[in-house]
Amino acid sequence: MSQSTPYDDDRAKYSRQGLARLVLSDQAQDVATSAAGLVGTRQDADTGLGGRVSQAQQLVELAERALVSAIIYEVERGSSWEQVAAYLGIRADMAEEQFSPALLQWNTAFQAPYRLDESGRKRIPQLPSAAYDPVFACRQLDAWAFIHHIGIDDQQAVSAGLNMSGTVEQPDPTAEET
């Protein structure tokens, strides 16, 4: 796209690795929040039969998204398919086949961070929202982590550890793995 977005300058301050980690943090927050909904028992009587199964299924789906985000982060970080596959308990070629489409979508979104809707007036982000608007995501995730005591009273438990642009060697996503 030839037009810039209000978030391009903010996004450019982060490395792709940093943005991938931010997306993983965002997905992990979703998993944690969803899991927390299954802890309390007081509202069980008000929940229809089978309702907790629905919540648990949603938790599984969110965890699967977090897994994909973790794999993208690890690849951005320089992990090989062999290293990723070792933690999945599958062969490297199986991991690459299963997760390459998500990685391709991630890489493509950096070429075109948004697309226009049918009217041609509204921008639809192609990057996950945490990577599209990292400043907002950092602010929101730092607050969530502080409230939940992630990092023991660290007001920047998420944003302080992110790799900024130029702080790490970026893997070339188009390079063939040897």
C-alpha atoms as a PDB file:
ATOM      1  CA  MET A   1       0.000   0.000   0.000  1.00  0.00           C
ATOM      2  CA  SER A   2       1.356   3.402  -0.848  1.00  0.00           C
ATOM      3  CA  GLN A   3      -0.428   5.282   1.939  1.00  0.00           C
ATOM      4  CA  SER A   4       1.071   5.207   5.383  1.00  0.00           C
ATOM      5  CA  THR A   5      -0.830   4.450   8.556  1.00  0.00           C
ATOM      6  CA  PRO A   6      -0.722   6.349  11.833  1.00  0.00           C
ATOM      7  CA  TYR A   7       1.089   3.372  13.378  1.00  0.00           C
ATOM      8  CA  ASP A   8       3.919   2.916  10.860  1.00  0.00           C
ATOM      9  CA  ASP A   9       6.435   5.081  12.727  1.00  0.00           C
ATOM     10  CA  ASP A  10       5.649   3.402  16.051  1.00  0.00           C
ATOM     11  CA  ARG A  11       5.904  -0.063  14.494  1.00  0.00           C
ATOM     12  CA  ALA A  12       9.243   0.812  12.875  1.00  0.00           C
ATOM     13  CA  LYS A  13      10.757   1.349  16.333  1.00  0.00           C
ATOM     14  CA  TYR A  14      10.403  -2.367  17.077  1.00  0.00           C
ATOM     15  CA  SER A  15      12.257  -5.279  15.557  1.00  0.00           C
ATOM     16  CA  ARG A  16      10.167  -7.996  13.939  1.00  0.00           C
ATOM     17  CA  GLN A  17      11.277 -10.217  16.795  1.00  0.00           C
ATOM     18  CA  GLY A  18      10.008  -7.628  19.285  1.00  0.00           C
ATOM     19  CA  LEU A  19       6.677  -7.367  17.500  1.00  0.00           C
ATOM     20  CA  ALA A  20       6.332 -11.158  17.381  1.00  0.00           C
ATOM     21  CA  ARG A  21       7.017 -11.320  21.131  1.00  0.00           C
ATOM     22  CA  LEU A  22       4.445  -8.608  21.729  1.00  0.00           C
ATOM     23  CA  VAL A  23       1.859 -10.619  19.786  1.00  0.00           C
ATOM     24  CA  LEU A  24       2.732 -13.688  21.876  1.00  0.00           C
ATOM     25  CA  SER A  25       2.290 -11.647  25.071  1.00  0.00           C
ATOM     26  CA  ASP A  26      -1.101 -10.461  23.827  1.00  0.00           C
ATOM     27  CA  GLN A  27      -2.172 -14.016  23.009  1.00  0.00           C
ATOM     28  CA  ALA A  28      -0.942 -15.246  26.404  1.00  0.00           C
ATOM     29  CA  GLN A  29      -3.010 -12.572  28.132  1.00  0.00           C
ATOM     30  CA  ASP A  30      -6.082 -13.829  26.256  1.00  0.00           C
ATOM     31  CA  VAL A  31      -5.353 -17.394  27.402  1.00  0.00           C
ATOM     32  CA  ALA A  32      -4.837 -16.309  31.009  1.00  0.00           C
ATOM     33  CA  THR A  33      -8.013 -14.251  31.068  1.00  0.00           C
ATOM     34  CA  SER A  34     -10.015 -17.069  29.534  1.00  0.00           C
ATOM     35  CA  ALA A  35      -8.574 -19.609  31.975  1.00  0.00           C
ATOM     36  CA  ALA A  36      -9.424 -17.327  34.891  1.00  0.00           C
ATOM     37  CA  GLY A  37     -13.076 -17.522  33.858  1.00  0.00           C
ATOM     38  CA  LEU A  38     -13.051 -21.230  34.635  1.00  0.00           C
ATOM     39  CA  VAL A  39     -11.656 -20.825  38.166  1.00  0.00           C
ATOM     40  CA  GLY A  40     -14.680 -19.453  40.025  1.00  0.00           C
ATOM     41  CA  THR A  41     -17.602 -21.709  40.921  1.00  0.00           C
ATOM     42  CA  ARG A  42     -20.154 -19.213  42.270  1.00  0.00           C
ATOM     43  CA  GLN A  43     -21.867 -18.743  38.870  1.00  0.00           C
ATOM     44  CA  ASP A  44     -22.020 -22.441  37.926  1.00  0.00           C
ATOM     45  CA  ALA A  45     -25.730 -22.662  38.787  1.00  0.00           C
ATOM     46  CA  ASP A  46     -26.435 -19.816  36.352  1.00  0.00           C
ATOM     47  CA  THR A  47     -24.484 -21.451  33.532  1.00  0.00           C
ATOM     48  CA  GLY A  48     -26.415 -23.672  31.152  1.00  0.00           C
ATOM     49  CA  LEU A  49     -25.545 -27.344  30.963  1.00  0.00           C
ATOM     50  CA  GLY A  50     -22.439 -27.794  28.862  1.00  0.00           C
ATOM     51  CA  GLY A  51     -21.470 -24.141  29.286  1.00  0.00           C
ATOM     52  CA  ARG A  52     -18.141 -24.839  30.936  1.00  0.00           C
ATOM     53  CA  VAL A  53     -17.227 -27.125  28.037  1.00  0.00           C
ATOM     54  CA  SER A  54     -17.745 -24.160  25.740  1.00  0.00           C
ATOM     55  CA  GLN A  55     -15.434 -22.056  27.896  1.00  0.00           C
ATOM     56  CA  ALA A  56     -12.797 -24.796  27.969  1.00  0.00           C
ATOM     57  CA  GLN A  57     -13.028 -25.187  24.186  1.00  0.00           C
ATOM     58  CA  GLN A  58     -12.494 -21.456  23.779  1.00  0.00           C
ATOM     59  CA  LEU A  59      -9.461 -21.745  26.045  1.00  0.00           C
ATOM     60  CA  VAL A  60      -8.025 -24.492  23.822  1.00  0.00           C
ATOM     61  CA  GLU A  61      -8.565 -22.364  20.706  1.00  0.00           C
ATOM     62  CA  LEU A  62      -6.844 -19.388  22.328  1.00  0.00           C
ATOM     63  CA  ALA A  63      -3.964 -21.617  23.429  1.00  0.00           C
ATOM     64  CA  GLU A  64      -3.581 -22.884  19.857  1.00  0.00           C
ATOM     65  CA  ARG A  65      -3.329 -19.275  18.638  1.00  0.00           C
ATOM     66  CA  ALA A  66      -0.729 -18.619  21.324  1.00  0.00           C
ATOM     67  CA  LEU A  67       1.222 -21.664  20.115  1.00  0.00           C
ATOM     68  CA  VAL A  68       1.268 -20.314  16.566  1.00  0.00           C
ATOM     69  CA  SER A  69       2.409 -16.927  17.910  1.00  0.00           C
ATOM     70  CA  ALA A  70       5.148 -18.639  19.926  1.00  0.00           C
ATOM     71  CA  ILE A  71       6.372 -20.456  16.821  1.00  0.00           C
ATOM     72  CA  ILE A  72       6.429 -17.241  14.805  1.00  0.00           C
ATOM     73  CA  TYR A  73       8.357 -15.575  17.633  1.00  0.00           C
ATOM     74  CA  GLU A  74      10.854 -18.431  17.814  1.00  0.00           C
ATOM     75  CA  VAL A  75      11.432 -18.359  14.049  1.00  0.00           C
ATOM     76  CA  GLU A  76      11.888 -14.564  14.175  1.00  0.00           C
ATOM     77  CA  ARG A  77      14.316 -15.144  17.011  1.00  0.00           C
ATOM     78  CA  GLY A  78      16.363 -17.467  14.837  1.00  0.00           C
ATOM     79  CA  SER A  79      15.122 -20.889  15.942  1.00  0.00           C
ATOM     80  CA  SER A  80      15.337 -23.620  13.325  1.00  0.00           C
ATOM     81  CA  TRP A  81      12.444 -25.899  12.448  1.00  0.00           C
ATOM     82  CA  GLU A  82      14.405 -28.680  14.174  1.00  0.00           C
ATOM     83  CA  GLN A  83      14.489 -26.694  17.401  1.00  0.00           C
ATOM     84  CA  VAL A  84      10.794 -25.814  17.183  1.00  0.00           C
ATOM     85  CA  ALA A  85       9.835 -29.399  16.310  1.00  0.00           C
ATOM     86  CA  ALA A  86      11.759 -30.797  19.281  1.00  0.00           C
ATOM     87  CA  TYR A  87       9.382 -28.976  21.645  1.00  0.00           C
ATOM     88  CA  LEU A  88       6.333 -30.035  19.647  1.00  0.00           C
ATOM     89  CA  GLY A  89       7.369 -33.673  19.642  1.00  0.00           C
ATOM     90  CA  ILE A  90       7.189 -33.935  15.860  1.00  0.00           C
ATOM     91  CA  ARG A  91       9.638 -34.008  12.970  1.00  0.00           C
ATOM     92  CA  ALA A  92      11.028 -30.738  11.607  1.00  0.00           C
ATOM     93  CA  ASP A  93       9.434 -31.226   8.189  1.00  0.00           C
ATOM     94  CA  MET A  94       6.045 -31.765   9.848  1.00  0.00           C
ATOM     95  CA  ALA A  95       6.431 -28.600  11.937  1.00  0.00           C
ATOM     96  CA  GLU A  96       7.447 -26.585   8.906  1.00  0.00           C
ATOM     97  CA  GLU A  97       4.548 -27.926   6.847  1.00  0.00           C
ATOM     98  CA  GLN A  98       2.032 -27.267   9.608  1.00  0.00           C
ATOM     99  CA  PHE A  99       3.168 -23.776  10.597  1.00  0.00           C
ATOM    100  CA  SER A 100       4.638 -22.311   7.391  1.00  0.00           C
ATOM    101  CA  PRO A 101       1.268 -20.886   6.270  1.00  0.00           C
ATOM    102  CA  ALA A 102       1.030 -18.814   9.472  1.00  0.00           C
ATOM    103  CA  LEU A 103       4.631 -17.676   9.053  1.00  0.00           C
ATOM    104  CA  LEU A 104       3.965 -16.744   5.427  1.00  0.00           C
ATOM    105  CA  GLN A 105       0.904 -14.743   6.490  1.00  0.00           C
ATOM    106  CA  TRP A 106       3.027 -12.975   9.129  1.00  0.00           C
ATOM    107  CA  ASN A 107       5.735 -12.135   6.580  1.00  0.00           C
ATOM    108  CA  THR A 108       3.221 -10.984   3.971  1.00  0.00           C
ATOM    109  CA  ALA A 109       1.537  -8.671   6.473  1.00  0.00           C
ATOM    110  CA  PHE A 110       4.760  -6.680   6.781  1.00  0.00           C
ATOM    111  CA  GLN A 111       4.667  -5.999   3.044  1.00  0.00           C
ATOM    112  CA  ALA A 112       1.045  -4.805   3.262  1.00  0.00           C
ATOM    113  CA  PRO A 113       0.114  -4.081   6.897  1.00  0.00           C
ATOM    114  CA  TYR A 114      -3.496  -3.388   5.935  1.00  0.00           C
ATOM    115  CA  ARG A 115      -5.959  -3.848   3.128  1.00  0.00           C
ATOM    116  CA  LEU A 116      -8.872  -1.635   2.222  1.00  0.00           C
ATOM    117  CA  ASP A 117     -12.423  -2.865   2.738  1.00  0.00           C
ATOM    118  CA  GLU A 118     -14.918  -3.174  -0.112  1.00  0.00           C
ATOM    119  CA  SER A 119     -15.742   0.534   0.051  1.00  0.00           C
ATOM    120  CA  GLY A 120     -12.067   1.433  -0.287  1.00  0.00           C
ATOM    121  CA  ARG A 121     -12.239   3.735   2.732  1.00  0.00           C
ATOM    122  CA  LYS A 122     -11.617   1.583   5.802  1.00  0.00           C
ATOM    123  CA  ARG A 123      -8.239   0.002   6.568  1.00  0.00           C
ATOM    124  CA  ILE A 124      -8.300  -3.612   7.733  1.00  0.00           C
ATOM    125  CA  PRO A 125      -5.068  -4.516   9.555  1.00  0.00           C
ATOM    126  CA  GLN A 126      -3.326  -7.647   8.283  1.00  0.00           C
ATOM    127  CA  LEU A 127      -0.917  -7.796  11.193  1.00  0.00           C
ATOM    128  CA  PRO A 128      -2.187  -8.921  14.588  1.00  0.00           C
ATOM    129  CA  SER A 129      -3.379  -5.859  16.492  1.00  0.00           C
ATOM    130  CA  ALA A 130      -0.462  -5.969  18.965  1.00  0.00           C
ATOM    131  CA  ALA A 131       2.025  -5.749  16.075  1.00  0.00           C
ATOM    132  CA  TYR A 132      -0.044  -3.227  14.103  1.00  0.00           C
ATOM    133  CA  ASP A 133      -0.293  -0.789  17.050  1.00  0.00           C
ATOM    134  CA  PRO A 134       2.538  -1.744  19.398  1.00  0.00           C
ATOM    135  CA  VAL A 135       2.407   1.391  21.544  1.00  0.00           C
ATOM    136  CA  PHE A 136      -1.184   0.714  22.591  1.00  0.00           C
ATOM    137  CA  ALA A 137      -0.429  -2.993  23.064  1.00  0.00           C
ATOM    138  CA  CYS A 138       2.567  -2.251  25.297  1.00  0.00           C
ATOM    139  CA  ARG A 139       0.565   0.169  27.411  1.00  0.00           C
ATOM    140  CA  GLN A 140      -2.321  -2.301  27.792  1.00  0.00           C
ATOM    141  CA  LEU A 141      -0.128  -5.358  28.433  1.00  0.00           C
ATOM    142  CA  ASP A 142       2.137  -3.528  30.881  1.00  0.00           C
ATOM    143  CA  ALA A 143      -0.947  -2.460  32.859  1.00  0.00           C
ATOM    144  CA  TRP A 144      -2.384  -5.986  32.796  1.00  0.00           C
ATOM    145  CA  ALA A 145       0.929  -7.504  33.917  1.00  0.00           C
ATOM    146  CA  PHE A 146       1.287  -4.920  36.711  1.00  0.00           C
ATOM    147  CA  ILE A 147      -2.235  -5.542  38.004  1.00  0.00           C
ATOM    148  CA  HIS A 148      -1.677  -9.311  37.940  1.00  0.00           C
ATOM    149  CA  HIS A 149       1.790  -9.013  39.530  1.00  0.00           C
ATOM    150  CA  ILE A 150       3.628 -10.469  36.555  1.00  0.00           C
ATOM    151  CA  GLY A 151       7.213  -9.388  37.100  1.00  0.00           C
ATOM    152  CA  ILE A 152       6.603  -8.470  40.752  1.00  0.00           C
ATOM    153  CA  ASP A 153       5.497  -4.846  40.632  1.00  0.00           C
ATOM    154  CA  ASP A 154       7.314  -4.133  37.380  1.00  0.00           C
ATOM    155  CA  GLN A 155       5.378  -1.401  35.586  1.00  0.00           C
ATOM    156  CA  GLN A 156       7.017  -2.373  32.288  1.00  0.00           C
ATOM    157  CA  ALA A 157       7.029  -6.165  32.607  1.00  0.00           C
ATOM    158  CA  VAL A 158       6.188  -6.536  28.910  1.00  0.00           C
ATOM    159  CA  SER A 159       7.588  -3.507  27.102  1.00  0.00           C
ATOM    160  CA  ALA A 160      10.973  -3.384  28.842  1.00  0.00           C
ATOM    161  CA  GLY A 161      12.093  -6.738  27.451  1.00  0.00           C
ATOM    162  CA  LEU A 162      11.127  -6.195  23.818  1.00  0.00           C
ATOM    163  CA  ASN A 163      13.792  -5.940  21.138  1.00  0.00           C
ATOM    164  CA  MET A 164      13.669  -2.597  19.468  1.00  0.00           C
ATOM    165  CA  SER A 165      14.620  -1.999  15.841  1.00  0.00           C
ATOM    166  CA  GLY A 166      18.307  -2.468  15.227  1.00  0.00           C
ATOM    167  CA  THR A 167      18.964  -4.200  18.570  1.00  0.00           C
ATOM    168  CA  VAL A 168      19.215  -7.744  17.187  1.00  0.00           C
ATOM    169  CA  GLU A 169      20.247  -9.250  13.916  1.00  0.00           C
ATOM    170  CA  GLN A 170      17.077  -9.831  11.934  1.00  0.00           C
ATOM    171  CA  PRO A 171      16.714 -13.189  10.191  1.00  0.00           C
ATOM    172  CA  ASP A 172      16.030 -12.953   6.477  1.00  0.00           C
ATOM    173  CA  PRO A 173      12.561 -14.534   6.077  1.00  0.00           C
ATOM    174  CA  THR A 174      13.219 -15.160   2.380  1.00  0.00           C
ATOM    175  CA  ALA A 175      16.516 -16.980   2.929  1.00  0.00           C
ATOM    176  CA  GLU A 176      16.620 -20.745   2.454  1.00  0.00           C
ATOM    177  CA  GLU A 177      17.344 -22.670   5.629  1.00  0.00           C
ATOM    178  CA  THR A 178      20.513 -24.748   5.438  1.00  0.00           C
END
